[in-house]
Amino acid sequence: AREAAESDGRTAQGTASRTPNVPLPTDGPIDDVITAVLAGQHCPYTCLGVPVHATREVCRKSYLQLALRLHPDKCPDPRAKDAFAAAERAFRAVSLIGERGY
């Protein structure tokens, strides 16, 4: 039973032992990543490519991966600066939501 529980991300006591696998928007061509981030600006979770009410840690992982791909010093796409700024705003907003407990 323990092996089965650990294989699907639970401990033997039934609690979550890891962050669920969340598809992050950092996979794929940079054009698609930039388009997805800019299109999701109306919702910080959508902008970060995570489910609504995702944990702060999941949001942080997504933001860090996006920042690596979108940083204007590393990405030659002219829209990278705007996408990087949008991801940063989204993470700040999610962080504030988490602090206030909404």
Protein backbone atom coordinates (compact mmCIF):
# COMPACT_ATOMS: atom_id res chain seq x y z
CA ALA A 1 0.00 0.00 0.00
CA ARG A 2 2.88 2.36 0.80
CA GLU A 3 4.43 1.90 -2.65
CA ALA A 4 1.10 2.60 -4.34
CA ALA A 5 0.54 5.72 -2.24
CA GLU A 6 4.03 7.04 -2.93
CA SER A 7 3.73 6.37 -6.65
CA ASP A 8 0.71 8.67 -6.93
CA GLY A 9 2.20 11.40 -4.72
CA ARG A 10 0.76 10.53 -1.31
CA THR A 11 2.45 9.23 1.80
CA ALA A 12 1.19 6.11 3.53
CA GLN A 13 -0.89 8.39 5.78
CA GLY A 14 -2.68 9.82 2.73
CA THR A 15 -1.28 13.36 2.74
CA ALA A 16 0.26 15.03 -0.26
CA SER A 17 4.04 14.64 -0.28
CA ARG A 18 4.83 16.78 -3.31
CA THR A 19 3.47 19.53 -5.48
CA PRO A 20 1.12 18.10 -8.13
CA ASN A 21 2.45 18.04 -11.66
CA VAL A 22 1.21 21.22 -13.25
CA PRO A 23 1.91 21.88 -16.91
CA LEU A 24 3.94 25.04 -17.08
CA PRO A 25 3.81 27.39 -20.06
CA THR A 26 7.55 27.28 -20.58
CA ASP A 27 7.54 24.32 -22.93
CA GLY A 28 7.37 24.86 -26.64
CA PRO A 29 8.48 27.58 -29.00
CA ILE A 30 9.21 30.95 -27.44
CA ASP A 31 6.65 32.55 -29.76
CA ASP A 32 3.91 30.41 -28.20
CA VAL A 33 5.12 31.13 -24.66
CA ILE A 34 5.13 34.89 -25.24
CA THR A 35 1.69 34.79 -26.88
CA ALA A 36 0.25 32.75 -23.97
CA VAL A 37 1.70 35.07 -21.32
CA LEU A 38 0.51 38.23 -23.05
CA ALA A 39 -2.94 36.75 -23.75
CA GLY A 40 -3.35 35.80 -20.08
CA GLN A 41 -2.70 39.24 -18.62
CA HIS A 42 -6.31 39.59 -17.43
CA CYS A 43 -5.73 36.83 -14.82
CA PRO A 44 -2.43 36.32 -13.00
CA TYR A 45 -2.91 32.55 -12.85
CA THR A 46 -3.57 32.34 -16.59
CA CYS A 47 -0.58 34.56 -17.28
CA LEU A 48 1.63 32.22 -15.28
CA GLY A 49 0.03 29.18 -16.91
CA VAL A 50 -1.16 27.58 -13.69
CA PRO A 51 -4.63 26.60 -12.46
CA VAL A 52 -6.63 29.17 -10.51
CA HIS A 53 -5.85 28.88 -6.80
CA ALA A 54 -2.57 27.06 -7.48
CA THR A 55 -0.22 27.07 -4.53
CA ARG A 56 2.30 29.87 -4.21
CA GLU A 57 5.08 27.33 -4.81
CA VAL A 58 3.58 26.20 -8.14
CA CYS A 59 3.20 29.85 -9.17
CA ARG A 60 6.77 30.57 -8.14
CA LYS A 61 8.15 27.65 -10.17
CA SER A 62 6.23 28.76 -13.23
CA TYR A 63 7.33 32.36 -12.81
CA LEU A 64 10.99 31.39 -12.46
CA GLN A 65 10.85 29.24 -15.59
CA LEU A 66 9.12 32.01 -17.50
CA ALA A 67 11.65 34.56 -16.28
CA LEU A 68 14.50 32.42 -17.58
CA ARG A 69 12.94 32.16 -21.03
CA LEU A 70 11.52 35.67 -21.31
CA HIS A 71 14.24 37.86 -19.85
CA PRO A 72 14.92 40.59 -22.44
CA ASP A 73 18.68 40.04 -22.13
CA LYS A 74 18.27 36.40 -23.15
CA CYS A 75 15.29 36.45 -25.52
CA PRO A 76 15.67 38.32 -28.81
CA ASP A 77 11.91 38.53 -29.49
CA PRO A 78 10.77 42.18 -29.37
CA ARG A 79 7.73 41.18 -27.26
CA ALA A 80 9.91 39.54 -24.59
CA LYS A 81 10.17 42.71 -22.50
CA ASP A 82 6.37 43.06 -22.29
CA ALA A 83 5.88 39.35 -21.58
CA PHE A 84 8.56 39.39 -18.89
CA ALA A 85 6.89 42.40 -17.23
CA ALA A 86 3.47 40.71 -17.44
CA ALA A 87 4.80 37.54 -15.78
CA GLU A 88 6.42 39.62 -13.04
CA ARG A 89 3.18 41.53 -12.38
CA ALA A 90 1.23 38.26 -12.32
CA PHE A 91 3.56 36.68 -9.78
CA ARG A 92 3.44 39.78 -7.58
CA ALA A 93 -0.37 39.69 -7.70
CA VAL A 94 -0.49 35.99 -6.83
CA SER A 95 1.95 36.59 -3.97
CA LEU A 96 -0.26 39.35 -2.57
CA ILE A 97 -3.34 37.14 -2.83
CA GLY A 98 -1.52 34.40 -0.93
CA GLU A 99 -0.39 36.77 1.82
CA ARG A 100 -3.89 38.12 2.36
CA GLY A 101 -5.46 34.66 2.30
CA TYR A 102 -8.12 35.34 -0.33
